[in-house]
Amino acid sequence: MKLRRVIYLLAQGSIFALFATTSHAQSIPRFDVEAYCKEVSRVSGGSATIYNGCITMEQDAYDALKTRWESIPEQTRACCENVARVTGGSYNIFGGCVEMEVDASNSPEAFKF
C-alpha cells in the first residue's frame, strides 16, 4: 500500500513537469539499466550481488513489458514512463506502475456522501 502511495505521489508531482519532454513513441522506452543498477548498488555500499540482482529484476520486468506492450493503453504508458524516469529509469518501477494503473482503471473509486 505504501509503494502504491509513493508511486501515486511521484506521478502527481512529476507528470506535468515531464509530460512535455517525454516521447510517446510506440516502442518501449530505453532506460540506462546499467547506470540505474550501479546507483542502486552504490547506495547499498557497492555490492556486486545487489547490482546483479538489480540487472536480473530489470531484465525480467523489461521482458514482461515487451510481451504485453501493445495492449497497454497510451495514457498508461505515458504516465508510467514518467514515474519510471523520475525514479532513475527502472523497468521494474514502470511495470509496477502499469499493473497498478490497469487495476485502478478496472475498479474506479466512487465518492459517497
PDB file of N, CA and C in Angstrom:
ATOM      1  N   MET A   1       0.814  -1.182   0.000  1.00  0.00           N
ATOM      2  CA  MET A   1       0.000   0.000   0.000  1.00  0.00           C
ATOM      3  C   MET A   1       0.867   1.259   0.000  1.00  0.00           C
ATOM      4  N   LYS A   2       1.969   1.256   0.772  1.00  0.00           N
ATOM      5  CA  LYS A   2       2.835   2.427   0.805  1.00  0.00           C
ATOM      6  C   LYS A   2       3.487   2.648  -0.553  1.00  0.00           C
ATOM      7  N   LEU A   3       3.921   1.581  -1.225  1.00  0.00           N
ATOM      8  CA  LEU A   3       4.532   1.714  -2.543  1.00  0.00           C
ATOM      9  C   LEU A   3       3.544   2.345  -3.514  1.00  0.00           C
ATOM     10  N   ARG A   4       2.313   1.925  -3.449  1.00  0.00           N
ATOM     11  CA  ARG A   4       1.287   2.489  -4.325  1.00  0.00           C
ATOM     12  C   ARG A   4       1.146   3.989  -4.071  1.00  0.00           C
ATOM     13  N   ARG A   5       1.149   4.383  -2.816  1.00  0.00           N
ATOM     14  CA  ARG A   5       1.014   5.804  -2.462  1.00  0.00           C
ATOM     15  C   ARG A   5       2.228   6.593  -2.935  1.00  0.00           C
ATOM     16  N   VAL A   6       3.441   6.033  -2.759  1.00  0.00           N
ATOM     17  CA  VAL A   6       4.658   6.717  -3.193  1.00  0.00           C
ATOM     18  C   VAL A   6       4.641   6.919  -4.702  1.00  0.00           C
ATOM     19  N   ILE A   7       4.300   5.884  -5.434  1.00  0.00           N
ATOM     20  CA  ILE A   7       4.263   5.999  -6.893  1.00  0.00           C
ATOM     21  C   ILE A   7       3.197   6.998  -7.307  1.00  0.00           C
ATOM     22  N   TYR A   8       2.055   6.972  -6.644  1.00  0.00           N
ATOM     23  CA  TYR A   8       0.998   7.929  -6.959  1.00  0.00           C
ATOM     24  C   TYR A   8       1.478   9.360  -6.734  1.00  0.00           C
ATOM     25  N   LEU A   9       2.135   9.606  -5.600  1.00  0.00           N
ATOM     26  CA  LEU A   9       2.619  10.953  -5.310  1.00  0.00           C
ATOM     27  C   LEU A   9       3.704  11.379  -6.291  1.00  0.00           C
ATOM     28  N   LEU A  10       4.600  10.457  -6.636  1.00  0.00           N
ATOM     29  CA  LEU A  10       5.617  10.773  -7.635  1.00  0.00           C
ATOM     30  C   LEU A  10       4.973  11.139  -8.965  1.00  0.00           C
ATOM     31  N   ALA A  11       3.982  10.371  -9.339  1.00  0.00           N
ATOM     32  CA  ALA A  11       3.305  10.642 -10.617  1.00  0.00           C
ATOM     33  C   ALA A  11       2.618  11.993 -10.579  1.00  0.00           C
ATOM     34  N   GLN A  12       1.930  12.278  -9.499  1.00  0.00           N
ATOM     35  CA  GLN A  12       1.221  13.549  -9.399  1.00  0.00           C
ATOM     36  C   GLN A  12       2.176  14.726  -9.428  1.00  0.00           C
ATOM     37  N   GLY A  13       3.306  14.593  -8.750  1.00  0.00           N
ATOM     38  CA  GLY A  13       4.249  15.693  -8.677  1.00  0.00           C
ATOM     39  C   GLY A  13       5.079  15.887  -9.917  1.00  0.00           C
ATOM     40  N   SER A  14       5.218  14.858 -10.707  1.00  0.00           N
ATOM     41  CA  SER A  14       6.155  14.952 -11.820  1.00  0.00           C
ATOM     42  C   SER A  14       5.518  14.865 -13.200  1.00  0.00           C
ATOM     43  N   ILE A  15       4.322  14.373 -13.290  1.00  0.00           N
ATOM     44  CA  ILE A  15       3.758  14.128 -14.614  1.00  0.00           C
ATOM     45  C   ILE A  15       3.617  15.414 -15.421  1.00  0.00           C
ATOM     46  N   PHE A  16       3.228  16.492 -14.776  1.00  0.00           N
ATOM     47  CA  PHE A  16       3.059  17.729 -15.519  1.00  0.00           C
ATOM     48  C   PHE A  16       4.396  18.315 -15.935  1.00  0.00           C
ATOM     49  N   ALA A  17       5.400  18.182 -15.095  1.00  0.00           N
ATOM     50  CA  ALA A  17       6.730  18.705 -15.418  1.00  0.00           C
ATOM     51  C   ALA A  17       7.383  17.914 -16.539  1.00  0.00           C
ATOM     52  N   LEU A  18       7.140  16.632 -16.575  1.00  0.00           N
ATOM     53  CA  LEU A  18       7.807  15.785 -17.560  1.00  0.00           C
ATOM     54  C   LEU A  18       6.972  15.530 -18.806  1.00  0.00           C
ATOM     55  N   PHE A  19       5.704  15.834 -18.755  1.00  0.00           N
ATOM     56  CA  PHE A  19       4.816  15.492 -19.861  1.00  0.00           C
ATOM     57  C   PHE A  19       5.302  16.037 -21.192  1.00  0.00           C
ATOM     58  N   ALA A  20       5.749  17.262 -21.201  1.00  0.00           N
ATOM     59  CA  ALA A  20       6.168  17.892 -22.454  1.00  0.00           C
ATOM     60  C   ALA A  20       7.468  17.320 -22.989  1.00  0.00           C
ATOM     61  N   THR A  21       8.301  16.722 -22.126  1.00  0.00           N
ATOM     62  CA  THR A  21       9.601  16.231 -22.574  1.00  0.00           C
ATOM     63  C   THR A  21       9.620  14.735 -22.845  1.00  0.00           C
ATOM     64  N   THR A  22       8.574  14.034 -22.486  1.00  0.00           N
ATOM     65  CA  THR A  22       8.543  12.591 -22.670  1.00  0.00           C
ATOM     66  C   THR A  22       8.054  12.262 -24.071  1.00  0.00           C
ATOM     67  N   SER A  23       8.802  11.415 -24.750  1.00  0.00           N
ATOM     68  CA  SER A  23       8.333  10.998 -26.065  1.00  0.00           C
ATOM     69  C   SER A  23       7.297   9.904 -25.886  1.00  0.00           C
ATOM     70  N   HIS A  24       6.298   9.941 -26.695  1.00  0.00           N
ATOM     71  CA  HIS A  24       5.236   8.957 -26.601  1.00  0.00           C
ATOM     72  C   HIS A  24       5.337   8.000 -27.788  1.00  0.00           C
ATOM     73  N   ALA A  25       6.504   7.443 -27.929  1.00  0.00           N
ATOM     74  CA  ALA A  25       6.772   6.535 -29.032  1.00  0.00           C
ATOM     75  C   ALA A  25       5.978   5.252 -28.857  1.00  0.00           C
ATOM     76  N   GLN A  26       5.833   4.559 -29.944  1.00  0.00           N
ATOM     77  CA  GLN A  26       5.091   3.311 -29.913  1.00  0.00           C
ATOM     78  C   GLN A  26       5.933   2.130 -29.433  1.00  0.00           C
ATOM     79  N   SER A  27       7.199   2.363 -29.149  1.00  0.00           N
ATOM     80  CA  SER A  27       8.039   1.284 -28.648  1.00  0.00           C
ATOM     81  C   SER A  27       8.386   1.525 -27.184  1.00  0.00           C
ATOM     82  N   ILE A  28       8.821   0.489 -26.514  1.00  0.00           N
ATOM     83  CA  ILE A  28       9.183   0.588 -25.100  1.00  0.00           C
ATOM     84  C   ILE A  28      10.339   1.574 -24.965  1.00  0.00           C
ATOM     85  N   PRO A  29      10.243   2.496 -24.006  1.00  0.00           N
ATOM     86  CA  PRO A  29      11.337   3.457 -23.824  1.00  0.00           C
ATOM     87  C   PRO A  29      12.635   2.751 -23.441  1.00  0.00           C
ATOM     88  N   ARG A  30      13.726   3.371 -23.770  1.00  0.00           N
ATOM     89  CA  ARG A  30      15.051   2.824 -23.443  1.00  0.00           C
ATOM     90  C   ARG A  30      15.579   3.519 -22.201  1.00  0.00           C
ATOM     91  N   PHE A  31      15.830   2.742 -21.157  1.00  0.00           N
ATOM     92  CA  PHE A  31      16.427   3.257 -19.936  1.00  0.00           C
ATOM     93  C   PHE A  31      17.860   2.741 -19.843  1.00  0.00           C
ATOM     94  N   ASP A  32      18.724   3.479 -19.183  1.00  0.00           N
ATOM     95  CA  ASP A  32      20.103   3.054 -18.953  1.00  0.00           C
ATOM     96  C   ASP A  32      20.128   2.181 -17.706  1.00  0.00           C
ATOM     97  N   VAL A  33      19.829   0.915 -17.904  1.00  0.00           N
ATOM     98  CA  VAL A  33      19.679  -0.025 -16.794  1.00  0.00           C
ATOM     99  C   VAL A  33      20.989  -0.197 -16.025  1.00  0.00           C
ATOM    100  N   GLU A  34      22.111  -0.272 -16.736  1.00  0.00           N
ATOM    101  CA  GLU A  34      23.388  -0.444 -16.043  1.00  0.00           C
ATOM    102  C   GLU A  34      23.664   0.732 -15.103  1.00  0.00           C
ATOM    103  N   ALA A  35      23.420   1.955 -15.571  1.00  0.00           N
ATOM    104  CA  ALA A  35      23.632   3.134 -14.720  1.00  0.00           C
ATOM    105  C   ALA A  35      22.673   3.115 -13.535  1.00  0.00           C
ATOM    106  N   TYR A  36      21.429   2.764 -13.783  1.00  0.00           N
ATOM    107  CA  TYR A  36      20.439   2.684 -12.710  1.00  0.00           C
ATOM    108  C   TYR A  36      20.874   1.674 -11.646  1.00  0.00           C
ATOM    109  N   CYS A  37      21.266   0.492 -12.092  1.00  0.00           N
ATOM    110  CA  CYS A  37      21.651  -0.560 -11.146  1.00  0.00           C
ATOM    111  C   CYS A  37      22.967  -0.239 -10.435  1.00  0.00           C
ATOM    112  N   LYS A  38      23.876   0.461 -11.105  1.00  0.00           N
ATOM    113  CA  LYS A  38      25.094   0.909 -10.428  1.00  0.00           C
ATOM    114  C   LYS A  38      24.750   1.861  -9.296  1.00  0.00           C
ATOM    115  N   GLU A  39      23.788   2.746  -9.537  1.00  0.00           N
ATOM    116  CA  GLU A  39      23.366   3.684  -8.495  1.00  0.00           C
ATOM    117  C   GLU A  39      22.697   2.947  -7.337  1.00  0.00           C
ATOM    118  N   VAL A  40      21.845   1.992  -7.647  1.00  0.00           N
ATOM    119  CA  VAL A  40      21.206   1.186  -6.600  1.00  0.00           C
ATOM    120  C   VAL A  40      22.282   0.470  -5.786  1.00  0.00           C
ATOM    121  N   SER A  41      23.248  -0.109  -6.463  1.00  0.00           N
ATOM    122  CA  SER A  41      24.341  -0.797  -5.782  1.00  0.00           C
ATOM    123  C   SER A  41      25.179   0.165  -4.952  1.00  0.00           C
ATOM    124  N   ARG A  42      25.471   1.330  -5.511  1.00  0.00           N
ATOM    125  CA  ARG A  42      26.284   2.326  -4.802  1.00  0.00           C
ATOM    126  C   ARG A  42      25.623   2.740  -3.494  1.00  0.00           C
ATOM    127  N   VAL A  43      24.328   2.965  -3.534  1.00  0.00           N
ATOM    128  CA  VAL A  43      23.588   3.371  -2.344  1.00  0.00           C
ATOM    129  C   VAL A  43      23.658   2.282  -1.274  1.00  0.00           C
ATOM    130  N   SER A  44      23.752   1.041  -1.697  1.00  0.00           N
ATOM    131  CA  SER A  44      23.810  -0.071  -0.737  1.00  0.00           C
ATOM    132  C   SER A  44      25.242  -0.474  -0.397  1.00  0.00           C
ATOM    133  N   GLY A  45      26.225   0.347  -0.755  1.00  0.00           N
ATOM    134  CA  GLY A  45      27.610   0.052  -0.392  1.00  0.00           C
ATOM    135  C   GLY A  45      28.452  -0.537  -1.507  1.00  0.00           C
ATOM    136  N   GLY A  46      27.929  -0.613  -2.704  1.00  0.00           N
ATOM    137  CA  GLY A  46      28.700  -1.107  -3.844  1.00  0.00           C
ATOM    138  C   GLY A  46      28.670  -2.619  -4.012  1.00  0.00           C
ATOM    139  N   SER A  47      27.621  -3.247  -3.551  1.00  0.00           N
ATOM    140  CA  SER A  47      27.501  -4.702  -3.606  1.00  0.00           C
ATOM    141  C   SER A  47      27.317  -5.222  -5.030  1.00  0.00           C
ATOM    142  N   ALA A  48      28.167  -6.176  -5.410  1.00  0.00           N
ATOM    143  CA  ALA A  48      28.025  -6.838  -6.711  1.00  0.00           C
ATOM    144  C   ALA A  48      26.760  -7.689  -6.739  1.00  0.00           C
ATOM    145  N   THR A  49      26.391  -8.250  -5.609  1.00  0.00           N
ATOM    146  CA  THR A  49      25.172  -9.058  -5.519  1.00  0.00           C
ATOM    147  C   THR A  49      23.941  -8.194  -5.775  1.00  0.00           C
ATOM    148  N   ILE A  50      23.924  -7.012  -5.187  1.00  0.00           N
ATOM    149  CA  ILE A  50      22.808  -6.085  -5.396  1.00  0.00           C
ATOM    150  C   ILE A  50      22.755  -5.669  -6.866  1.00  0.00           C
ATOM    151  N   TYR A  51      23.908  -5.352  -7.447  1.00  0.00           N
ATOM    152  CA  TYR A  51      23.958  -4.948  -8.861  1.00  0.00           C
ATOM    153  C   TYR A  51      23.410  -6.058  -9.758  1.00  0.00           C
ATOM    154  N   ASN A  52      23.912  -7.271  -9.580  1.00  0.00           N
ATOM    155  CA  ASN A  52      23.468  -8.391 -10.419  1.00  0.00           C
ATOM    156  C   ASN A  52      21.984  -8.685 -10.235  1.00  0.00           C
ATOM    157  N   GLY A  53      21.510  -8.611  -8.993  1.00  0.00           N
ATOM    158  CA  GLY A  53      20.088  -8.826  -8.726  1.00  0.00           C
ATOM    159  C   GLY A  53      19.231  -7.755  -9.382  1.00  0.00           C
ATOM    160  N   CYS A  54      19.722  -6.533  -9.353  1.00  0.00           N
ATOM    161  CA  CYS A  54      19.011  -5.419  -9.985  1.00  0.00           C
ATOM    162  C   CYS A  54      18.922  -5.639 -11.493  1.00  0.00           C
ATOM    163  N   ILE A  55      20.024  -6.018 -12.112  1.00  0.00           N
ATOM    164  CA  ILE A  55      20.028  -6.278 -13.560  1.00  0.00           C
ATOM    165  C   ILE A  55      19.015  -7.378 -13.896  1.00  0.00           C
ATOM    166  N   THR A  56      19.004  -8.438 -13.108  1.00  0.00           N
ATOM    167  CA  THR A  56      18.074  -9.545 -13.343  1.00  0.00           C
ATOM    168  C   THR A  56      16.628  -9.091 -13.214  1.00  0.00           C
ATOM    169  N   MET A  57      16.343  -8.314 -12.164  1.00  0.00           N
ATOM    170  CA  MET A  57      14.980  -7.819 -11.975  1.00  0.00           C
ATOM    171  C   MET A  57      14.562  -6.887 -13.103  1.00  0.00           C
ATOM    172  N   GLU A  58      15.460  -6.023 -13.528  1.00  0.00           N
ATOM    173  CA  GLU A  58      15.157  -5.100 -14.619  1.00  0.00           C
ATOM    174  C   GLU A  58      14.915  -5.862 -15.927  1.00  0.00           C
ATOM    175  N   GLN A  59      15.732  -6.890 -16.183  1.00  0.00           N
ATOM    176  CA  GLN A  59      15.554  -7.690 -17.399  1.00  0.00           C
ATOM    177  C   GLN A  59      14.212  -8.396 -17.391  1.00  0.00           C
ATOM    178  N   ASP A  60      13.872  -8.998 -16.250  1.00  0.00           N
ATOM    179  CA  ASP A  60      12.584  -9.688 -16.133  1.00  0.00           C
ATOM    180  C   ASP A  60      11.420  -8.726 -16.354  1.00  0.00           C
ATOM    181  N   ALA A  61      11.520  -7.533 -15.762  1.00  0.00           N
ATOM    182  CA  ALA A  61      10.455  -6.541 -15.903  1.00  0.00           C
ATOM    183  C   ALA A  61      10.347  -6.066 -17.356  1.00  0.00           C
ATOM    184  N   TYR A  62      11.500  -5.838 -18.008  1.00  0.00           N
ATOM    185  CA  TYR A  62      11.501  -5.420 -19.416  1.00  0.00           C
ATOM    186  C   TYR A  62      10.860  -6.499 -20.290  1.00  0.00           C
ATOM    187  N   ASP A  63      11.262  -7.740 -20.079  1.00  0.00           N
ATOM    188  CA  ASP A  63      10.717  -8.840 -20.878  1.00  0.00           C
ATOM    189  C   ASP A  63       9.206  -8.962 -20.705  1.00  0.00           C
ATOM    190  N   ALA A  64       8.711  -8.766 -19.479  1.00  0.00           N
ATOM    191  CA  ALA A  64       7.269  -8.832 -19.227  1.00  0.00           C
ATOM    192  C   ALA A  64       6.545  -7.677 -19.926  1.00  0.00           C
ATOM    193  N   LEU A  65       7.118  -6.493 -19.865  1.00  0.00           N
ATOM    194  CA  LEU A  65       6.512  -5.346 -20.559  1.00  0.00           C
ATOM    195  C   LEU A  65       6.483  -5.569 -22.062  1.00  0.00           C
ATOM    196  N   LYS A  66       7.564  -6.118 -22.582  1.00  0.00           N
ATOM    197  CA  LYS A  66       7.674  -6.337 -24.026  1.00  0.00           C
ATOM    198  C   LYS A  66       6.563  -7.248 -24.547  1.00  0.00           C
ATOM    199  N   THR A  67       6.217  -8.263 -23.774  1.00  0.00           N
ATOM    200  CA  THR A  67       5.208  -9.220 -24.238  1.00  0.00           C
ATOM    201  C   THR A  67       3.801  -8.637 -24.245  1.00  0.00           C
ATOM    202  N   ARG A  68       3.562  -7.580 -23.449  1.00  0.00           N
ATOM    203  CA  ARG A  68       2.210  -7.021 -23.399  1.00  0.00           C
ATOM    204  C   ARG A  68       2.140  -5.563 -23.824  1.00  0.00           C
ATOM    205  N   TRP A  69       3.216  -5.043 -24.385  1.00  0.00           N
ATOM    206  CA  TRP A  69       3.313  -3.622 -24.706  1.00  0.00           C
ATOM    207  C   TRP A  69       2.134  -3.110 -25.526  1.00  0.00           C
ATOM    208  N   GLU A  70       1.758  -3.824 -26.566  1.00  0.00           N
ATOM    209  CA  GLU A  70       0.701  -3.369 -27.471  1.00  0.00           C
ATOM    210  C   GLU A  70      -0.649  -3.258 -26.774  1.00  0.00           C
ATOM    211  N   SER A  71      -0.850  -3.992 -25.689  1.00  0.00           N
ATOM    212  CA  SER A  71      -2.145  -3.959 -25.000  1.00  0.00           C
ATOM    213  C   SER A  71      -2.217  -2.893 -23.904  1.00  0.00           C
ATOM    214  N   ILE A  72      -1.121  -2.218 -23.631  1.00  0.00           N
ATOM    215  CA  ILE A  72      -1.106  -1.184 -22.590  1.00  0.00           C
ATOM    216  C   ILE A  72      -1.598   0.123 -23.203  1.00  0.00           C
ATOM    217  N   PRO A  73      -2.628   0.734 -22.605  1.00  0.00           N
ATOM    218  CA  PRO A  73      -3.150   1.995 -23.146  1.00  0.00           C
ATOM    219  C   PRO A  73      -2.078   3.085 -23.182  1.00  0.00           C
ATOM    220  N   GLU A  74      -2.132   3.937 -24.193  1.00  0.00           N
ATOM    221  CA  GLU A  74      -1.149   5.007 -24.373  1.00  0.00           C
ATOM    222  C   GLU A  74      -1.054   5.915 -23.142  1.00  0.00           C
ATOM    223  N   GLN A  75      -2.192   6.247 -22.560  1.00  0.00           N
ATOM    224  CA  GLN A  75      -2.179   7.107 -21.370  1.00  0.00           C
ATOM    225  C   GLN A  75      -1.414   6.442 -20.231  1.00  0.00           C
ATOM    226  N   THR A  76      -1.594   5.152 -20.051  1.00  0.00           N
ATOM    227  CA  THR A  76      -0.881   4.410 -19.006  1.00  0.00           C
ATOM    228  C   THR A  76       0.602   4.362 -19.327  1.00  0.00           C
ATOM    229  N   ARG A  77       0.947   4.132 -20.584  1.00  0.00           N
ATOM    230  CA  ARG A  77       2.356   4.128 -20.989  1.00  0.00           C
ATOM    231  C   ARG A  77       3.026   5.445 -20.629  1.00  0.00           C
ATOM    232  N   ALA A  78       2.375   6.553 -21.001  1.00  0.00           N
ATOM    233  CA  ALA A  78       2.952   7.881 -20.781  1.00  0.00           C
ATOM    234  C   ALA A  78       3.109   8.178 -19.295  1.00  0.00           C
ATOM    235  N   CYS A  79       2.073   7.931 -18.539  1.00  0.00           N
ATOM    236  CA  CYS A  79       2.108   8.189 -17.096  1.00  0.00           C
ATOM    237  C   CYS A  79       3.199   7.353 -16.430  1.00  0.00           C
ATOM    238  N   CYS A  80       3.235   6.084 -16.734  1.00  0.00           N
ATOM    239  CA  CYS A  80       4.183   5.184 -16.080  1.00  0.00           C
ATOM    240  C   CYS A  80       5.615   5.405 -16.551  1.00  0.00           C
ATOM    241  N   GLU A  81       5.792   5.840 -17.784  1.00  0.00           N
ATOM    242  CA  GLU A  81       7.135   6.194 -18.235  1.00  0.00           C
ATOM    243  C   GLU A  81       7.656   7.369 -17.409  1.00  0.00           C
ATOM    244  N   ASN A  82       6.801   8.352 -17.156  1.00  0.00           N
ATOM    245  CA  ASN A  82       7.201   9.495 -16.326  1.00  0.00           C
ATOM    246  C   ASN A  82       7.600   9.047 -14.923  1.00  0.00           C
ATOM    247  N   VAL A  83       6.804   8.181 -14.329  1.00  0.00           N
ATOM    248  CA  VAL A  83       7.113   7.677 -12.995  1.00  0.00           C
ATOM    249  C   VAL A  83       8.445   6.932 -13.010  1.00  0.00           C
ATOM    250  N   ALA A  84       8.656   6.091 -14.002  1.00  0.00           N
ATOM    251  CA  ALA A  84       9.899   5.318 -14.091  1.00  0.00           C
ATOM    252  C   ALA A  84      11.114   6.218 -14.284  1.00  0.00           C
ATOM    253  N   ARG A  85      10.972   7.272 -15.060  1.00  0.00           N
ATOM    254  CA  ARG A  85      12.093   8.198 -15.276  1.00  0.00           C
ATOM    255  C   ARG A  85      12.432   8.993 -14.016  1.00  0.00           C
ATOM    256  N   VAL A  86      11.419   9.386 -13.260  1.00  0.00           N
ATOM    257  CA  VAL A  86      11.658  10.127 -12.021  1.00  0.00           C
ATOM    258  C   VAL A  86      12.477   9.282 -11.051  1.00  0.00           C
ATOM    259  N   THR A  87      12.278   7.986 -11.067  1.00  0.00           N
ATOM    260  CA  THR A  87      12.995   7.105 -10.154  1.00  0.00           C
ATOM    261  C   THR A  87      14.346   6.651 -10.709  1.00  0.00           C
ATOM    262  N   GLY A  88      14.745   7.158 -11.844  1.00  0.00           N
ATOM    263  CA  GLY A  88      16.052   6.827 -12.394  1.00  0.00           C
ATOM    264  C   GLY A  88      16.031   5.981 -13.644  1.00  0.00           C
ATOM    265  N   GLY A  89      14.872   5.597 -14.109  1.00  0.00           N
ATOM    266  CA  GLY A  89      14.772   4.791 -15.326  1.00  0.00           C
ATOM    267  C   GLY A  89      14.747   3.313 -15.023  1.00  0.00           C
ATOM    268  N   SER A  90      13.672   2.858 -14.411  1.00  0.00           N
ATOM    269  CA  SER A  90      13.549   1.469 -13.985  1.00  0.00           C
ATOM    270  C   SER A  90      12.367   0.784 -14.653  1.00  0.00           C
ATOM    271  N   TYR A  91      12.640  -0.343 -15.317  1.00  0.00           N
ATOM    272  CA  TYR A  91      11.564  -1.140 -15.907  1.00  0.00           C
ATOM    273  C   TYR A  91      10.732  -1.811 -14.819  1.00  0.00           C
ATOM    274  N   ASN A  92      11.344  -2.094 -13.696  1.00  0.00           N
ATOM    275  CA  ASN A  92      10.624  -2.695 -12.583  1.00  0.00           C
ATOM    276  C   ASN A  92       9.570  -1.720 -12.052  1.00  0.00           C
ATOM    277  N   ILE A  93       9.952  -0.457 -11.877  1.00  0.00           N
ATOM    278  CA  ILE A  93       9.001   0.574 -11.451  1.00  0.00           C
ATOM    279  C   ILE A  93       7.953   0.789 -12.538  1.00  0.00           C
ATOM    280  N   PHE A  94       8.386   0.835 -13.789  1.00  0.00           N
ATOM    281  CA  PHE A  94       7.470   1.007 -14.917  1.00  0.00           C
ATOM    282  C   PHE A  94       6.406  -0.092 -14.905  1.00  0.00           C
ATOM    283  N   GLY A  95       6.840  -1.336 -14.795  1.00  0.00           N
ATOM    284  CA  GLY A  95       5.904  -2.465 -14.801  1.00  0.00           C
ATOM    285  C   GLY A  95       4.952  -2.441 -13.620  1.00  0.00           C
ATOM    286  N   GLY A  96       5.469  -2.084 -12.439  1.00  0.00           N
ATOM    287  CA  GLY A  96       4.604  -1.984 -11.263  1.00  0.00           C
ATOM    288  C   GLY A  96       3.557  -0.900 -11.433  1.00  0.00           C
ATOM    289  N   CYS A  97       3.961   0.207 -12.005  1.00  0.00           N
ATOM    290  CA  CYS A  97       3.033   1.300 -12.277  1.00  0.00           C
ATOM    291  C   CYS A  97       1.949   0.852 -13.256  1.00  0.00           C
ATOM    292  N   VAL A  98       2.346   0.169 -14.315  1.00  0.00           N
ATOM    293  CA  VAL A  98       1.374  -0.324 -15.303  1.00  0.00           C
ATOM    294  C   VAL A  98       0.352  -1.227 -14.618  1.00  0.00           C
ATOM    295  N   GLU A  99       0.823  -2.146 -13.791  1.00  0.00           N
ATOM    296  CA  GLU A  99      -0.085  -3.064 -13.095  1.00  0.00           C
ATOM    297  C   GLU A  99      -1.084  -2.297 -12.233  1.00  0.00           C
ATOM    298  N   MET A 100      -0.596  -1.315 -11.477  1.00  0.00           N
ATOM    299  CA  MET A 100      -1.485  -0.541 -10.608  1.00  0.00           C
ATOM    300  C   MET A 100      -2.468   0.301 -11.411  1.00  0.00           C
ATOM    301  N   GLU A 101      -2.017   0.878 -12.519  1.00  0.00           N
ATOM    302  CA  GLU A 101      -2.905   1.674 -13.364  1.00  0.00           C
ATOM    303  C   GLU A 101      -3.996   0.804 -13.986  1.00  0.00           C
ATOM    304  N   VAL A 102      -3.626  -0.361 -14.466  1.00  0.00           N
ATOM    305  CA  VAL A 102      -4.608  -1.270 -15.065  1.00  0.00           C
ATOM    306  C   VAL A 102      -5.620  -1.702 -14.009  1.00  0.00           C
ATOM    307  N   ASP A 103      -5.123  -2.066 -12.814  1.00  0.00           N
ATOM    308  CA  ASP A 103      -6.025  -2.457 -11.726  1.00  0.00           C
ATOM    309  C   ASP A 103      -6.964  -1.316 -11.361  1.00  0.00           C
ATOM    310  N   ALA A 104      -6.422  -0.094 -11.252  1.00  0.00           N
ATOM    311  CA  ALA A 104      -7.238   1.062 -10.874  1.00  0.00           C
ATOM    312  C   ALA A 104      -8.283   1.379 -11.935  1.00  0.00           C
ATOM    313  N   SER A 105      -7.912   1.242 -13.202  1.00  0.00           N
ATOM    314  CA  SER A 105      -8.887   1.543 -14.261  1.00  0.00           C
ATOM    315  C   SER A 105      -9.973   0.489 -14.330  1.00  0.00           C
ATOM    316  N   ASN A 106      -9.697  -0.707 -13.852  1.00  0.00           N
ATOM    317  CA  ASN A 106     -10.703  -1.774 -13.831  1.00  0.00           C
ATOM    318  C   ASN A 106     -11.637  -1.699 -12.617  1.00  0.00           C
ATOM    319  N   SER A 107     -11.269  -0.894 -11.632  1.00  0.00           N
ATOM    320  CA  SER A 107     -12.130  -0.753 -10.458  1.00  0.00           C
ATOM    321  C   SER A 107     -12.085   0.702  -9.947  1.00  0.00           C
ATOM    322  N   PRO A 108     -12.715   1.607 -10.693  1.00  0.00           N
ATOM    323  CA  PRO A 108     -12.683   3.025 -10.297  1.00  0.00           C
ATOM    324  C   PRO A 108     -13.407   3.261  -8.964  1.00  0.00           C
ATOM    325  N   GLU A 109     -12.867   4.175  -8.206  1.00  0.00           N
ATOM    326  CA  GLU A 109     -13.465   4.574  -6.938  1.00  0.00           C
ATOM    327  C   GLU A 109     -14.621   5.516  -7.204  1.00  0.00           C
ATOM    328  N   ALA A 110     -15.577   5.553  -6.305  1.00  0.00           N
ATOM    329  CA  ALA A 110     -16.704   6.489  -6.389  1.00  0.00           C
ATOM    330  C   ALA A 110     -16.818   7.226  -5.066  1.00  0.00           C
ATOM    331  N   PHE A 111     -17.017   8.503  -5.159  1.00  0.00           N
ATOM    332  CA  PHE A 111     -17.198   9.308  -3.961  1.00  0.00           C
ATOM    333  C   PHE A 111     -18.600   9.057  -3.418  1.00  0.00           C
ATOM    334  N   LYS A 112     -18.703   8.942  -2.079  1.00  0.00           N
ATOM    335  CA  LYS A 112     -20.008   8.693  -1.442  1.00  0.00           C
ATOM    336  C   LYS A 112     -20.277   9.764  -0.411  1.00  0.00           C
ATOM    337  N   PHE A 113     -21.466  10.304  -0.441  1.00  0.00           N
ATOM    338  CA  PHE A 113     -21.882  11.299   0.548  1.00  0.00           C
ATOM    339  C   PHE A 113     -22.523  10.609   1.725  1.00  0.00           C
TER     340      PHE A 113
END
